[in-house]
Amino acid sequence: MPRTKKTDTARLSPENSEWMKTHDKGDLRDLAKELAERGEDVTAIVRAIEDLEEVEAEEEEWERTHIVSDEE
């Protein structure tokens, strides 16, 4: 089963922190899509999602190359 990443909510506003506790990137993408359909500029949201995915990929790569399994 894939592991769920925990978002560091300490740097978010209280409202955003609460929202992120119960939502994931998929929800954020859905929100961006809905806002875009209403004509809103979602460039910053899309960039934030892309940045988050890049950080997650880097973290996964680091874990893959630095964490020794229990079997070794």
N, C-alpha and C. Protein backbone atom coordinates (compact mmCIF):
# COMPACT_ATOMS: atom_id res chain seq x y z
N MET A 1 0.85 -1.18 0.00
CA MET A 1 0.00 0.00 0.00
C MET A 1 0.89 1.24 0.00
N PRO A 2 0.61 2.22 -0.89
CA PRO A 2 1.44 3.42 -0.91
C PRO A 2 1.27 4.21 0.38
N ARG A 3 2.33 4.82 0.77
CA ARG A 3 2.29 5.59 1.99
C ARG A 3 1.73 6.98 1.69
N THR A 4 0.99 7.51 2.61
CA THR A 4 0.41 8.84 2.46
C THR A 4 1.38 9.85 3.05
N LYS A 5 1.67 10.89 2.30
CA LYS A 5 2.58 11.92 2.78
C LYS A 5 1.82 12.88 3.67
N LYS A 6 2.44 13.28 4.74
CA LYS A 6 1.88 14.24 5.67
C LYS A 6 2.39 15.62 5.27
N THR A 7 1.50 16.56 5.09
CA THR A 7 1.88 17.92 4.72
C THR A 7 2.26 18.70 5.97
N ASP A 8 3.36 19.43 5.90
CA ASP A 8 3.78 20.29 7.00
C ASP A 8 2.86 21.50 7.01
N THR A 9 1.92 21.50 7.94
CA THR A 9 0.92 22.56 7.97
C THR A 9 1.34 23.73 8.84
N ALA A 10 2.51 23.66 9.46
CA ALA A 10 2.95 24.73 10.36
C ALA A 10 3.13 26.06 9.65
N ARG A 11 3.48 26.02 8.36
CA ARG A 11 3.75 27.27 7.62
C ARG A 11 2.51 27.83 6.93
N LEU A 12 1.36 27.18 7.08
CA LEU A 12 0.14 27.61 6.42
C LEU A 12 -0.69 28.48 7.35
N SER A 13 -1.58 29.26 6.76
CA SER A 13 -2.51 30.03 7.58
C SER A 13 -3.40 29.04 8.33
N PRO A 14 -4.01 29.46 9.42
CA PRO A 14 -4.88 28.53 10.17
C PRO A 14 -5.98 27.90 9.32
N GLU A 15 -6.58 28.69 8.43
CA GLU A 15 -7.65 28.16 7.57
C GLU A 15 -7.10 27.11 6.61
N ASN A 16 -5.97 27.44 5.98
CA ASN A 16 -5.37 26.50 5.03
C ASN A 16 -4.84 25.26 5.75
N SER A 17 -4.32 25.46 6.94
CA SER A 17 -3.80 24.33 7.72
C SER A 17 -4.93 23.34 8.01
N GLU A 18 -6.06 23.83 8.43
CA GLU A 18 -7.21 22.95 8.72
C GLU A 18 -7.67 22.23 7.45
N TRP A 19 -7.73 22.95 6.33
CA TRP A 19 -8.18 22.36 5.07
C TRP A 19 -7.23 21.24 4.65
N MET A 20 -5.92 21.46 4.78
CA MET A 20 -4.94 20.47 4.35
C MET A 20 -4.92 19.22 5.23
N LYS A 21 -5.44 19.32 6.44
CA LYS A 21 -5.49 18.15 7.31
C LYS A 21 -6.46 17.10 6.80
N THR A 22 -7.44 17.53 6.02
CA THR A 22 -8.48 16.60 5.55
C THR A 22 -8.54 16.48 4.03
N HIS A 23 -7.60 17.09 3.33
CA HIS A 23 -7.60 17.06 1.87
C HIS A 23 -6.21 16.69 1.34
N ASP A 24 -6.15 16.33 0.07
CA ASP A 24 -4.88 15.96 -0.54
C ASP A 24 -4.68 16.72 -1.85
N LYS A 25 -3.60 16.37 -2.57
CA LYS A 25 -3.30 17.07 -3.83
C LYS A 25 -4.43 16.92 -4.84
N GLY A 26 -5.07 15.78 -4.85
CA GLY A 26 -6.19 15.58 -5.77
C GLY A 26 -7.30 16.59 -5.52
N ASP A 27 -7.59 16.83 -4.24
CA ASP A 27 -8.60 17.84 -3.88
C ASP A 27 -8.15 19.22 -4.32
N LEU A 28 -6.87 19.50 -4.15
CA LEU A 28 -6.34 20.80 -4.56
C LEU A 28 -6.43 20.96 -6.07
N ARG A 29 -6.14 19.89 -6.81
CA ARG A 29 -6.29 19.94 -8.28
C ARG A 29 -7.75 20.19 -8.66
N ASP A 30 -8.67 19.50 -7.98
CA ASP A 30 -10.10 19.69 -8.26
C ASP A 30 -10.51 21.14 -7.99
N LEU A 31 -10.02 21.70 -6.90
CA LEU A 31 -10.32 23.09 -6.57
C LEU A 31 -9.78 24.02 -7.65
N ALA A 32 -8.54 23.77 -8.09
CA ALA A 32 -7.95 24.60 -9.15
C ALA A 32 -8.77 24.51 -10.43
N LYS A 33 -9.20 23.30 -10.76
CA LYS A 33 -10.01 23.12 -11.97
C LYS A 33 -11.32 23.89 -11.88
N GLU A 34 -11.96 23.79 -10.72
CA GLU A 34 -13.23 24.50 -10.52
C GLU A 34 -13.03 26.01 -10.62
N LEU A 35 -11.97 26.51 -10.01
CA LEU A 35 -11.69 27.95 -10.08
C LEU A 35 -11.37 28.38 -11.51
N ALA A 36 -10.61 27.56 -12.23
CA ALA A 36 -10.27 27.88 -13.62
C ALA A 36 -11.53 27.92 -14.48
N GLU A 37 -12.44 27.00 -14.24
CA GLU A 37 -13.69 26.98 -15.00
C GLU A 37 -14.53 28.23 -14.73
N ARG A 38 -14.32 28.84 -13.57
CA ARG A 38 -15.01 30.10 -13.23
C ARG A 38 -14.26 31.32 -13.76
N GLY A 39 -13.14 31.06 -14.43
CA GLY A 39 -12.37 32.16 -15.01
C GLY A 39 -11.30 32.72 -14.10
N GLU A 40 -11.05 32.08 -12.97
CA GLU A 40 -10.02 32.55 -12.05
C GLU A 40 -8.64 32.16 -12.55
N ASP A 41 -7.65 32.95 -12.20
CA ASP A 41 -6.26 32.64 -12.52
C ASP A 41 -5.75 31.65 -11.47
N VAL A 42 -5.42 30.46 -11.92
CA VAL A 42 -4.96 29.41 -11.00
C VAL A 42 -3.48 29.10 -11.19
N THR A 43 -2.77 30.00 -11.83
CA THR A 43 -1.34 29.79 -12.10
C THR A 43 -0.57 29.49 -10.82
N ALA A 44 -0.80 30.24 -9.77
CA ALA A 44 -0.07 30.05 -8.52
C ALA A 44 -0.41 28.70 -7.88
N ILE A 45 -1.66 28.29 -7.96
CA ILE A 45 -2.06 27.01 -7.39
C ILE A 45 -1.41 25.87 -8.16
N VAL A 46 -1.44 25.95 -9.48
CA VAL A 46 -0.83 24.90 -10.31
C VAL A 46 0.67 24.84 -10.04
N ARG A 47 1.31 25.99 -9.93
CA ARG A 47 2.75 26.02 -9.65
C ARG A 47 3.03 25.40 -8.28
N ALA A 48 2.19 25.67 -7.30
CA ALA A 48 2.37 25.10 -5.96
C ALA A 48 2.23 23.58 -5.99
N ILE A 49 1.26 23.08 -6.74
CA ILE A 49 1.08 21.63 -6.87
C ILE A 49 2.32 21.01 -7.52
N GLU A 50 2.80 21.63 -8.57
CA GLU A 50 4.00 21.13 -9.26
C GLU A 50 5.21 21.15 -8.34
N ASP A 51 5.35 22.22 -7.55
CA ASP A 51 6.46 22.31 -6.60
C ASP A 51 6.36 21.21 -5.55
N LEU A 52 5.17 20.98 -5.05
CA LEU A 52 4.95 19.93 -4.06
C LEU A 52 5.31 18.56 -4.63
N GLU A 53 4.90 18.30 -5.86
CA GLU A 53 5.22 17.03 -6.49
C GLU A 53 6.73 16.86 -6.68
N GLU A 54 7.42 17.95 -7.00
CA GLU A 54 8.86 17.89 -7.16
C GLU A 54 9.55 17.58 -5.83
N VAL A 55 9.10 18.23 -4.77
CA VAL A 55 9.66 17.98 -3.44
C VAL A 55 9.40 16.53 -3.03
N GLU A 56 8.20 16.04 -3.28
CA GLU A 56 7.87 14.65 -2.94
C GLU A 56 8.75 13.67 -3.71
N ALA A 57 8.97 13.95 -4.98
CA ALA A 57 9.81 13.07 -5.80
C ALA A 57 11.24 13.07 -5.27
N GLU A 58 11.74 14.23 -4.89
CA GLU A 58 13.09 14.32 -4.33
C GLU A 58 13.18 13.56 -3.01
N GLU A 59 12.15 13.70 -2.18
CA GLU A 59 12.12 12.99 -0.90
C GLU A 59 12.08 11.48 -1.12
N GLU A 60 11.26 11.03 -2.04
CA GLU A 60 11.18 9.60 -2.34
C GLU A 60 12.51 9.07 -2.86
N GLU A 61 13.18 9.85 -3.70
CA GLU A 61 14.48 9.44 -4.22
C GLU A 61 15.50 9.36 -3.09
N TRP A 62 15.49 10.34 -2.20
CA TRP A 62 16.42 10.33 -1.08
C TRP A 62 16.15 9.10 -0.21
N GLU A 63 14.89 8.84 0.10
CA GLU A 63 14.55 7.69 0.92
C GLU A 63 14.97 6.39 0.23
N ARG A 64 14.77 6.30 -1.05
CA ARG A 64 15.12 5.10 -1.81
C ARG A 64 16.62 4.84 -1.74
N THR A 65 17.41 5.90 -1.75
CA THR A 65 18.85 5.74 -1.81
C THR A 65 19.53 5.79 -0.44
N HIS A 66 18.83 6.21 0.60
CA HIS A 66 19.47 6.38 1.90
C HIS A 66 18.91 5.51 3.02
N ILE A 67 17.74 4.99 2.87
CA ILE A 67 17.15 4.20 3.93
C ILE A 67 17.37 2.72 3.66
N VAL A 68 17.94 2.06 4.64
CA VAL A 68 18.23 0.63 4.51
C VAL A 68 17.03 -0.14 5.02
N SER A 69 16.61 -1.14 4.26
CA SER A 69 15.46 -1.92 4.68
C SER A 69 15.82 -2.80 5.86
N ASP A 70 14.81 -3.31 6.56
CA ASP A 70 14.99 -4.19 7.70
C ASP A 70 15.61 -5.52 7.28
N GLU A 71 15.49 -5.87 6.01
CA GLU A 71 15.97 -7.15 5.52
C GLU A 71 17.48 -7.19 5.39
N GLU A 72 18.11 -6.03 5.32
CA GLU A 72 19.58 -5.99 5.11
C GLU A 72 20.31 -6.05 6.42
